[in-house]
């Protein structure tokens, strides 16, 4: 099958349809492309037992050991003809064919060096590891539809979600940051009544600290007594599975309670002041401009302000391609150093935002301006379609399409031309749901942001 051009996924489908079982120690209950790839590249199929491909090296800086690849001189391969299932020449030909076919998917790197070598997969640039699918709840990952700068739903790649629309990563980062800067710049001053309410809340928090400290201290003493009783039970020679399970639970809770008590025992800040809006604006802008948007440091910072970004598919009401909109909560209160101030200002400094992660088509980009020119009234003669098109640098067809879009919106009684897609469309490029492997399995957190 591989010689005829089939992929690992095609082979895994055939194995599952034929009822071929996976290994007894496999985590998956069915074959997938990764499992087929591992078996195919196992040199035992041609009668070679490979050894010495990895070795343990001590890292003097930390004292720990790490597994690294070895040079070909250190390899220890053995010929085992009795293990061969495939002729060695044919096996080598198939492996060479697969390498040539998949070479286009490999990272090119810089000067022959892989730029992601020894870098954790989770250490990715913004908005990677922050963007989730609003339909199934799974992460958006780089490499959507073979484009390394595009992100797509990981559930769609495994046929567990029908939302196969991808988004340009750098464009999405630019759109989100532009919207964030606009919100920060337009923050209104705190209302005096709100400030009084916040000050009262801060006072109440400070008054509750002693009572909370006493409650936690009592809980710690109770847990310590319970732990001593269980240990005495074991020392007396008794044994019980319930007791064995209870000890780790009590120790974990005791550790958490002691951590909370230690935090509450810190001296309360004196003369706690609420920062002005201008100070918050300056702090937010300085933090966001301190690092490059592609850097890891920027991603750590922005995740404090935006913990999660959910993307939802949309489409113009008159048809067209599927695009994605992001929804997230901007929490500017996380920039404050005082924990009490964060609690008091968390709601007033939280903004629910919706951002388009795409550039609109021409008919939508110029729609408002075209309608204004068509409906303008005054002493001057009404502009013709050709004159409007010439004034905006468009074609007559372009202005007519924008007007048709406005008429469609008027007929539907909507102001936003984009409609949310909540189920697999019957037409268009989103056809994951028509594949035989498709099983829609959304996570419990789908749609949350």
Foldseek 3Di string as FASTA:
>chain_A
DLVVPDALQVVQVVCVVVVPADDPPDPDGGDGSVVSVVVLPQCLQQFKDKDDQWDWDADVVVRDIDIDGDDPVRIDMDGGNVSHNDHPVVSVVSVVVVCVVCVLLDDCPDPNDNPCPPPDPQLFFPPFPFEAALQFGAGWDAQQPNHRQKTAHPCLVQQQDLGSDIFRGVLLLVQVVVVVLVCLVPDDWDDPVLVVVLVVLLVVVVVCLVVVLVVLVVVLVVLVVVLVVLVVCVVVPDDDPVSVVVNVVSVVVNVVSVVVNVVSPPDDDPPDDADISVVLSVLVVCCQPVDDSRHSSNNVVVCLQWVHKYWFWKAFPVGDDIFIKIWTKGFSLSSDDDPSNSVSCRVVRIDIDITGSDDDDLLVVCLVVLVCLQPDDDPDDRDDLCRSCVVVVHDSVSSVSNVVSVVSCVVVVDDDRMDTDNDNDPDDDSCSCVDPSRHHNHDPCNNPD
